[in-house]
Amino acid sequence: MTTYTARPIAPSVLRELRTADDAGRPLSPFTDEEGGAPLRCCLRHSGPGERIALVSYAPLRRWAAETGVDPGAYDEQGPVFIHAEECTGPDGDGRPFANAHRIVRRYSADGHILGGQLVDAPDGEALRNAFDDPAVALVHVRAVEYGCFLYEVRRA
């Protein structure tokens, strides 16, 4: 049985993003007075009063550099929330941000989009369906409302 794991942004990448994000901008932290921002460093929502930052992140570019692939025109960067300082990482049930409609976007080993699917929640069945195609190397789970990257999933 194949398992799938939601992957937060790696700690080494977070250290880089806290210096300069993928658009070259310096970190600009703020206090989240209300809470509720989807944090990509620990895959949970922020709590009221936490120090966070909105940074530009290029998830496919980072994966492509790791695997030696050129994502070409599929290289994109977008806004993600992270803790302003180092955090302990995920501590949830492995189903982050699961109580909402999401897009499961599939990518090939050469970094090209193979398609996407609107799902009620990115559960095991949705991920199994995505990875049923042997050409799928990577999945991004994205928010429907803004299209923002939430987290990455790879075969375990």
N, C-alpha and C. Protein backbone atom coordinates (compact mmCIF):
# COMPACT_ATOMS: atom_id res chain seq x y z
N MET A 1 0.84 -1.18 0.00
CA MET A 1 0.00 0.00 0.00
C MET A 1 0.89 1.25 0.00
N THR A 2 0.63 2.14 -0.92
CA THR A 2 1.40 3.38 -1.02
C THR A 2 0.82 4.41 -0.06
N THR A 3 1.70 5.13 0.60
CA THR A 3 1.25 6.22 1.46
C THR A 3 1.71 7.54 0.86
N TYR A 4 0.99 8.59 1.20
CA TYR A 4 1.29 9.92 0.68
C TYR A 4 1.42 10.85 1.87
N THR A 5 2.41 11.73 1.78
CA THR A 5 2.69 12.62 2.89
C THR A 5 2.65 14.07 2.44
N ALA A 6 1.88 14.87 3.16
CA ALA A 6 1.88 16.32 2.92
C ALA A 6 3.23 16.85 3.38
N ARG A 7 3.88 17.59 2.51
CA ARG A 7 5.22 18.09 2.82
C ARG A 7 5.19 19.61 2.99
N PRO A 8 5.58 20.07 4.17
CA PRO A 8 5.69 21.51 4.35
C PRO A 8 6.92 22.02 3.59
N ILE A 9 7.07 23.31 3.55
CA ILE A 9 8.31 23.87 2.98
C ILE A 9 9.46 23.42 3.87
N ALA A 10 10.51 22.92 3.28
CA ALA A 10 11.65 22.37 4.02
C ALA A 10 12.31 23.43 4.89
N PRO A 11 12.82 23.02 6.07
CA PRO A 11 13.48 23.98 6.96
C PRO A 11 14.62 24.75 6.30
N SER A 12 15.40 24.09 5.44
CA SER A 12 16.51 24.79 4.78
C SER A 12 15.99 25.88 3.84
N VAL A 13 14.88 25.61 3.17
CA VAL A 13 14.26 26.60 2.28
C VAL A 13 13.66 27.73 3.11
N LEU A 14 13.03 27.39 4.22
CA LEU A 14 12.46 28.43 5.09
C LEU A 14 13.54 29.40 5.56
N ARG A 15 14.72 28.87 5.90
CA ARG A 15 15.82 29.76 6.31
C ARG A 15 16.16 30.74 5.19
N GLU A 16 16.19 30.26 3.96
CA GLU A 16 16.46 31.15 2.82
C GLU A 16 15.35 32.17 2.65
N LEU A 17 14.09 31.72 2.73
CA LEU A 17 12.95 32.63 2.54
C LEU A 17 12.88 33.70 3.62
N ARG A 18 13.40 33.39 4.80
CA ARG A 18 13.39 34.37 5.89
C ARG A 18 14.48 35.42 5.70
N THR A 19 15.39 35.18 4.78
CA THR A 19 16.41 36.18 4.42
C THR A 19 15.93 36.98 3.21
N ALA A 20 15.61 36.27 2.15
CA ALA A 20 15.04 36.88 0.93
C ALA A 20 14.16 35.84 0.28
N ASP A 21 12.95 36.25 -0.13
CA ASP A 21 12.03 35.28 -0.72
C ASP A 21 12.40 34.99 -2.18
N ASP A 22 11.62 34.17 -2.85
CA ASP A 22 11.95 33.75 -4.21
C ASP A 22 11.78 34.87 -5.24
N ALA A 23 11.28 36.02 -4.81
CA ALA A 23 11.23 37.20 -5.68
C ALA A 23 12.34 38.18 -5.29
N GLY A 24 13.17 37.80 -4.32
CA GLY A 24 14.30 38.63 -3.91
C GLY A 24 13.96 39.68 -2.85
N ARG A 25 12.76 39.63 -2.30
CA ARG A 25 12.35 40.62 -1.30
C ARG A 25 12.75 40.17 0.10
N PRO A 26 13.15 41.12 0.96
CA PRO A 26 13.49 40.76 2.35
C PRO A 26 12.23 40.43 3.14
N LEU A 27 12.40 39.67 4.20
CA LEU A 27 11.29 39.29 5.07
C LEU A 27 10.69 40.54 5.71
N SER A 28 9.37 40.58 5.76
CA SER A 28 8.65 41.70 6.36
C SER A 28 7.60 41.12 7.33
N PRO A 29 8.05 40.72 8.53
CA PRO A 29 7.13 40.07 9.46
C PRO A 29 6.10 41.02 10.04
N PHE A 30 4.99 40.43 10.48
CA PHE A 30 3.94 41.20 11.14
C PHE A 30 3.23 40.30 12.14
N THR A 31 2.50 40.91 13.04
CA THR A 31 1.71 40.15 14.01
C THR A 31 0.34 39.90 13.42
N ASP A 32 -0.04 38.65 13.37
CA ASP A 32 -1.35 38.25 12.86
C ASP A 32 -2.35 38.40 14.00
N GLU A 33 -3.02 39.52 14.04
CA GLU A 33 -3.92 39.83 15.15
C GLU A 33 -5.11 38.87 15.23
N GLU A 34 -5.64 38.46 14.08
CA GLU A 34 -6.84 37.62 14.07
C GLU A 34 -6.54 36.13 14.01
N GLY A 35 -5.42 35.74 13.44
CA GLY A 35 -5.13 34.33 13.22
C GLY A 35 -5.85 33.82 11.99
N GLY A 36 -5.57 32.58 11.63
CA GLY A 36 -6.27 31.94 10.51
C GLY A 36 -5.48 31.85 9.22
N ALA A 37 -4.27 32.41 9.18
CA ALA A 37 -3.47 32.33 7.95
C ALA A 37 -2.93 30.91 7.79
N PRO A 38 -3.00 30.33 6.57
CA PRO A 38 -2.49 28.97 6.36
C PRO A 38 -0.96 28.96 6.27
N LEU A 39 -0.31 28.49 7.31
CA LEU A 39 1.15 28.50 7.41
C LEU A 39 1.74 27.30 6.68
N ARG A 40 2.61 27.56 5.70
CA ARG A 40 3.20 26.47 4.91
C ARG A 40 4.43 25.86 5.58
N CYS A 41 4.88 26.44 6.68
CA CYS A 41 6.04 25.89 7.40
C CYS A 41 5.63 24.76 8.33
N CYS A 42 4.42 24.83 8.87
CA CYS A 42 3.98 23.81 9.83
C CYS A 42 2.60 23.24 9.48
N LEU A 43 2.05 23.66 8.35
CA LEU A 43 0.80 23.12 7.80
C LEU A 43 -0.36 23.19 8.80
N ARG A 44 -0.49 24.37 9.39
CA ARG A 44 -1.63 24.65 10.26
C ARG A 44 -1.99 26.11 10.09
N HIS A 45 -3.13 26.51 10.65
CA HIS A 45 -3.50 27.92 10.62
C HIS A 45 -2.83 28.66 11.76
N SER A 46 -2.48 29.91 11.51
CA SER A 46 -1.87 30.73 12.55
C SER A 46 -2.88 31.01 13.65
N GLY A 47 -2.35 31.26 14.83
CA GLY A 47 -3.18 31.67 15.96
C GLY A 47 -3.10 33.18 16.13
N PRO A 48 -4.09 33.77 16.79
CA PRO A 48 -4.05 35.22 17.04
C PRO A 48 -2.77 35.61 17.79
N GLY A 49 -2.12 36.66 17.30
CA GLY A 49 -0.92 37.17 17.94
C GLY A 49 0.38 36.56 17.48
N GLU A 50 0.35 35.57 16.58
CA GLU A 50 1.60 34.97 16.09
C GLU A 50 2.29 35.89 15.11
N ARG A 51 3.64 35.85 15.12
CA ARG A 51 4.45 36.61 14.16
C ARG A 51 4.62 35.76 12.91
N ILE A 52 4.13 36.30 11.79
CA ILE A 52 4.20 35.58 10.53
C ILE A 52 4.71 36.53 9.44
N ALA A 53 4.89 35.98 8.25
CA ALA A 53 5.29 36.79 7.10
C ALA A 53 4.65 36.20 5.86
N LEU A 54 4.36 37.07 4.91
CA LEU A 54 3.88 36.65 3.60
C LEU A 54 5.06 36.78 2.65
N VAL A 55 5.47 35.65 2.08
CA VAL A 55 6.64 35.63 1.20
C VAL A 55 6.26 35.05 -0.15
N SER A 56 7.07 35.35 -1.15
CA SER A 56 6.91 34.78 -2.47
C SER A 56 7.70 33.48 -2.54
N TYR A 57 7.03 32.42 -2.99
CA TYR A 57 7.63 31.09 -3.00
C TYR A 57 7.40 30.44 -4.36
N ALA A 58 8.42 29.77 -4.88
CA ALA A 58 8.35 29.09 -6.18
C ALA A 58 8.50 27.59 -5.97
N PRO A 59 7.42 26.89 -5.62
CA PRO A 59 7.54 25.47 -5.27
C PRO A 59 8.04 24.57 -6.40
N LEU A 60 7.56 24.77 -7.61
CA LEU A 60 8.01 23.91 -8.70
C LEU A 60 9.47 24.21 -9.06
N ARG A 61 9.87 25.46 -9.00
CA ARG A 61 11.27 25.83 -9.25
C ARG A 61 12.18 25.13 -8.25
N ARG A 62 11.78 25.13 -7.00
CA ARG A 62 12.59 24.48 -5.95
C ARG A 62 12.70 22.98 -6.21
N TRP A 63 11.58 22.33 -6.53
CA TRP A 63 11.57 20.90 -6.83
C TRP A 63 12.42 20.61 -8.07
N ALA A 64 12.28 21.44 -9.09
CA ALA A 64 13.03 21.24 -10.33
C ALA A 64 14.53 21.34 -10.09
N ALA A 65 14.95 22.29 -9.27
CA ALA A 65 16.38 22.42 -8.96
C ALA A 65 16.89 21.18 -8.23
N GLU A 66 16.05 20.63 -7.37
CA GLU A 66 16.40 19.43 -6.61
C GLU A 66 16.53 18.21 -7.51
N THR A 67 15.73 18.14 -8.56
CA THR A 67 15.69 16.96 -9.43
C THR A 67 16.41 17.15 -10.76
N GLY A 68 16.94 18.34 -11.02
CA GLY A 68 17.66 18.59 -12.25
C GLY A 68 16.77 18.79 -13.47
N VAL A 69 15.56 19.27 -13.25
CA VAL A 69 14.58 19.46 -14.32
C VAL A 69 14.42 20.95 -14.60
N ASP A 70 14.09 21.28 -15.83
CA ASP A 70 13.77 22.66 -16.18
C ASP A 70 12.25 22.77 -16.29
N PRO A 71 11.58 23.48 -15.36
CA PRO A 71 10.13 23.56 -15.42
C PRO A 71 9.61 24.47 -16.52
N GLY A 72 10.49 25.19 -17.19
CA GLY A 72 10.08 26.05 -18.30
C GLY A 72 9.01 27.04 -17.87
N ALA A 73 8.00 27.16 -18.69
CA ALA A 73 6.93 28.13 -18.44
C ALA A 73 6.08 27.78 -17.23
N TYR A 74 6.19 26.56 -16.71
CA TYR A 74 5.42 26.18 -15.53
C TYR A 74 6.03 26.71 -14.24
N ASP A 75 7.20 27.30 -14.34
CA ASP A 75 7.83 27.92 -13.18
C ASP A 75 6.99 29.13 -12.77
N GLU A 76 6.51 29.11 -11.55
CA GLU A 76 5.71 30.23 -11.05
C GLU A 76 6.05 30.46 -9.59
N GLN A 77 5.78 31.65 -9.15
CA GLN A 77 5.95 31.95 -7.72
C GLN A 77 4.68 32.63 -7.24
N GLY A 78 4.39 32.41 -5.98
CA GLY A 78 3.18 33.00 -5.43
C GLY A 78 3.31 33.19 -3.93
N PRO A 79 2.32 33.83 -3.34
CA PRO A 79 2.38 34.18 -1.93
C PRO A 79 2.08 32.99 -1.02
N VAL A 80 2.87 32.86 0.04
CA VAL A 80 2.61 31.87 1.09
C VAL A 80 2.92 32.51 2.44
N PHE A 81 2.17 32.09 3.45
CA PHE A 81 2.44 32.53 4.81
C PHE A 81 3.38 31.54 5.49
N ILE A 82 4.34 32.08 6.25
CA ILE A 82 5.24 31.26 7.07
C ILE A 82 5.40 31.96 8.42
N HIS A 83 5.86 31.21 9.41
CA HIS A 83 6.23 31.85 10.67
C HIS A 83 7.43 32.75 10.41
N ALA A 84 7.47 33.88 11.08
CA ALA A 84 8.59 34.82 10.89
C ALA A 84 9.88 34.27 11.47
N GLU A 85 9.77 33.42 12.47
CA GLU A 85 10.93 32.77 13.07
C GLU A 85 10.77 31.26 12.90
N GLU A 86 11.86 30.54 13.17
CA GLU A 86 11.83 29.08 13.05
C GLU A 86 10.71 28.50 13.90
N CYS A 87 10.04 27.49 13.37
CA CYS A 87 8.99 26.80 14.13
C CYS A 87 9.31 25.31 14.19
N THR A 88 8.47 24.58 14.88
CA THR A 88 8.72 23.15 15.08
C THR A 88 8.24 22.27 13.93
N GLY A 89 7.56 22.85 12.96
CA GLY A 89 7.06 22.07 11.84
C GLY A 89 5.72 21.44 12.14
N PRO A 90 5.25 20.58 11.24
CA PRO A 90 3.91 20.00 11.38
C PRO A 90 3.77 19.14 12.63
N ASP A 91 2.59 19.21 13.22
CA ASP A 91 2.27 18.35 14.35
C ASP A 91 0.83 17.87 14.28
N GLY A 92 0.24 18.00 13.10
CA GLY A 92 -1.17 17.66 12.93
C GLY A 92 -1.38 16.21 12.54
N ASP A 93 -2.53 15.94 11.96
CA ASP A 93 -2.95 14.59 11.62
C ASP A 93 -2.54 14.16 10.21
N GLY A 94 -1.71 14.95 9.55
CA GLY A 94 -1.29 14.62 8.19
C GLY A 94 -2.28 15.04 7.12
N ARG A 95 -3.35 15.73 7.50
CA ARG A 95 -4.36 16.21 6.55
C ARG A 95 -4.52 17.72 6.75
N PRO A 96 -3.51 18.48 6.41
CA PRO A 96 -3.58 19.93 6.65
C PRO A 96 -4.61 20.62 5.78
N PHE A 97 -5.22 21.64 6.34
CA PHE A 97 -6.16 22.48 5.58
C PHE A 97 -7.20 21.63 4.84
N ALA A 98 -7.68 20.57 5.48
CA ALA A 98 -8.50 19.57 4.80
C ALA A 98 -9.98 19.90 4.72
N ASN A 99 -10.44 20.87 5.44
CA ASN A 99 -11.88 21.10 5.51
C ASN A 99 -12.37 22.12 4.49
N ALA A 100 -11.90 22.00 3.27
CA ALA A 100 -12.32 22.92 2.23
C ALA A 100 -12.04 22.30 0.87
N HIS A 101 -12.69 22.82 -0.15
CA HIS A 101 -12.42 22.38 -1.52
C HIS A 101 -10.98 22.76 -1.86
N ARG A 102 -10.32 21.89 -2.58
CA ARG A 102 -8.94 22.11 -3.00
C ARG A 102 -8.77 21.66 -4.44
N ILE A 103 -7.69 22.12 -5.04
CA ILE A 103 -7.26 21.65 -6.35
C ILE A 103 -6.06 20.74 -6.13
N VAL A 104 -6.11 19.56 -6.70
CA VAL A 104 -4.97 18.64 -6.68
C VAL A 104 -4.37 18.71 -8.08
N ARG A 105 -3.19 19.35 -8.18
CA ARG A 105 -2.54 19.55 -9.48
C ARG A 105 -1.39 18.56 -9.62
N ARG A 106 -1.40 17.83 -10.73
CA ARG A 106 -0.41 16.80 -10.98
C ARG A 106 0.70 17.30 -11.92
N TYR A 107 1.94 16.89 -11.63
CA TYR A 107 3.10 17.25 -12.45
C TYR A 107 3.85 15.99 -12.86
N SER A 108 4.42 16.04 -14.06
CA SER A 108 5.25 14.94 -14.57
C SER A 108 6.67 15.09 -14.06
N ALA A 109 7.48 14.08 -14.31
CA ALA A 109 8.88 14.10 -13.89
C ALA A 109 9.69 15.18 -14.59
N ASP A 110 9.18 15.71 -15.72
CA ASP A 110 9.88 16.80 -16.38
C ASP A 110 9.31 18.16 -15.99
N GLY A 111 8.44 18.19 -14.97
CA GLY A 111 7.96 19.45 -14.43
C GLY A 111 6.79 20.08 -15.17
N HIS A 112 6.10 19.31 -16.00
CA HIS A 112 4.95 19.84 -16.73
C HIS A 112 3.65 19.44 -16.05
N ILE A 113 2.66 20.30 -16.12
CA ILE A 113 1.36 20.02 -15.52
C ILE A 113 0.66 18.93 -16.33
N LEU A 114 0.18 17.91 -15.62
CA LEU A 114 -0.56 16.82 -16.26
C LEU A 114 -2.06 16.98 -16.07
N GLY A 115 -2.47 17.91 -15.26
CA GLY A 115 -3.89 18.13 -15.04
C GLY A 115 -4.15 18.44 -13.58
N GLY A 116 -5.40 18.68 -13.30
CA GLY A 116 -5.80 18.99 -11.94
C GLY A 116 -7.20 18.50 -11.70
N GLN A 117 -7.55 18.44 -10.43
CA GLN A 117 -8.88 17.98 -10.06
C GLN A 117 -9.36 18.76 -8.86
N LEU A 118 -10.60 19.21 -8.92
CA LEU A 118 -11.24 19.83 -7.77
C LEU A 118 -11.71 18.71 -6.85
N VAL A 119 -11.33 18.78 -5.58
CA VAL A 119 -11.73 17.75 -4.61
C VAL A 119 -12.38 18.42 -3.40
N ASP A 120 -13.26 17.68 -2.75
CA ASP A 120 -13.89 18.19 -1.52
C ASP A 120 -12.86 18.38 -0.43
N ALA A 121 -11.94 17.45 -0.33
CA ALA A 121 -10.83 17.51 0.62
C ALA A 121 -9.73 16.62 0.07
N PRO A 122 -8.48 17.01 0.22
CA PRO A 122 -7.38 16.21 -0.34
C PRO A 122 -7.08 14.99 0.51
N ASP A 123 -7.99 14.00 0.48
CA ASP A 123 -7.83 12.80 1.29
C ASP A 123 -7.02 11.75 0.53
N GLY A 124 -6.86 10.58 1.15
CA GLY A 124 -6.09 9.51 0.53
C GLY A 124 -6.62 9.09 -0.82
N GLU A 125 -7.95 9.06 -0.98
CA GLU A 125 -8.53 8.66 -2.26
C GLU A 125 -8.17 9.64 -3.37
N ALA A 126 -8.26 10.94 -3.09
CA ALA A 126 -7.91 11.94 -4.10
C ALA A 126 -6.44 11.83 -4.49
N LEU A 127 -5.59 11.57 -3.53
CA LEU A 127 -4.16 11.45 -3.82
C LEU A 127 -3.87 10.14 -4.55
N ARG A 128 -4.53 9.06 -4.16
CA ARG A 128 -4.37 7.79 -4.90
C ARG A 128 -4.79 7.98 -6.35
N ASN A 129 -5.91 8.67 -6.57
CA ASN A 129 -6.37 8.93 -7.94
C ASN A 129 -5.32 9.72 -8.72
N ALA A 130 -4.73 10.71 -8.08
CA ALA A 130 -3.72 11.53 -8.74
C ALA A 130 -2.50 10.70 -9.11
N PHE A 131 -2.06 9.84 -8.19
CA PHE A 131 -0.85 9.05 -8.42
C PHE A 131 -1.12 7.73 -9.15
N ASP A 132 -2.38 7.43 -9.50
CA ASP A 132 -2.67 6.24 -10.30
C ASP A 132 -1.98 6.31 -11.65
N ASP A 133 -1.79 7.51 -12.15
CA ASP A 133 -1.08 7.71 -13.41
C ASP A 133 0.42 7.61 -13.11
N PRO A 134 1.11 6.62 -13.65
CA PRO A 134 2.54 6.45 -13.36
C PRO A 134 3.39 7.63 -13.83
N ALA A 135 2.86 8.46 -14.71
CA ALA A 135 3.61 9.63 -15.18
C ALA A 135 3.64 10.75 -14.14
N VAL A 136 2.81 10.65 -13.11
CA VAL A 136 2.76 11.69 -12.07
C VAL A 136 3.92 11.50 -11.11
N ALA A 137 4.74 12.53 -10.99
CA ALA A 137 5.89 12.50 -10.08
C ALA A 137 5.66 13.33 -8.83
N LEU A 138 4.74 14.28 -8.91
CA LEU A 138 4.58 15.26 -7.85
C LEU A 138 3.17 15.83 -7.91
N VAL A 139 2.62 16.15 -6.74
CA VAL A 139 1.30 16.77 -6.66
C VAL A 139 1.40 18.02 -5.81
N HIS A 140 0.77 19.08 -6.27
CA HIS A 140 0.59 20.28 -5.45
C HIS A 140 -0.87 20.35 -5.06
N VAL A 141 -1.11 20.61 -3.79
CA VAL A 141 -2.46 20.88 -3.31
C VAL A 141 -2.57 22.38 -3.20
N ARG A 142 -3.62 22.94 -3.81
CA ARG A 142 -3.78 24.38 -3.89
C ARG A 142 -5.15 24.82 -3.42
N ALA A 143 -5.21 26.05 -2.95
CA ALA A 143 -6.48 26.65 -2.54
C ALA A 143 -7.30 26.98 -3.77
N VAL A 144 -8.59 26.77 -3.69
CA VAL A 144 -9.48 27.09 -4.81
C VAL A 144 -9.65 28.60 -4.94
N GLU A 145 -9.82 29.28 -3.82
CA GLU A 145 -10.16 30.70 -3.83
C GLU A 145 -9.14 31.56 -4.56
N TYR A 146 -7.85 31.32 -4.30
CA TYR A 146 -6.81 32.16 -4.87
C TYR A 146 -5.82 31.38 -5.73
N GLY A 147 -5.90 30.07 -5.72
CA GLY A 147 -4.97 29.24 -6.49
C GLY A 147 -3.62 29.07 -5.82
N CYS A 148 -3.50 29.54 -4.58
CA CYS A 148 -2.22 29.51 -3.88
C CYS A 148 -1.78 28.09 -3.55
N PHE A 149 -0.49 27.88 -3.64
CA PHE A 149 0.14 26.62 -3.23
C PHE A 149 -0.07 26.45 -1.72
N LEU A 150 -0.53 25.26 -1.32
CA LEU A 150 -0.66 24.94 0.10
C LEU A 150 0.43 23.98 0.56
N TYR A 151 0.58 22.87 -0.16
CA TYR A 151 1.64 21.92 0.17
C TYR A 151 1.87 20.96 -0.99
N GLU A 152 2.95 20.24 -0.89
CA GLU A 152 3.37 19.29 -1.91
C GLU A 152 3.15 17.87 -1.39
N VAL A 153 2.87 16.96 -2.30
CA VAL A 153 2.74 15.54 -1.95
C VAL A 153 3.59 14.75 -2.94
N ARG A 154 4.35 13.81 -2.38
CA ARG A 154 5.12 12.87 -3.20
C ARG A 154 4.80 11.47 -2.74
N ARG A 155 5.10 10.51 -3.56
CA ARG A 155 4.97 9.10 -3.13
C ARG A 155 5.95 8.87 -1.99
N ALA A 156 5.50 8.13 -0.97
CA ALA A 156 6.41 7.84 0.16
C ALA A 156 7.22 6.61 -0.12
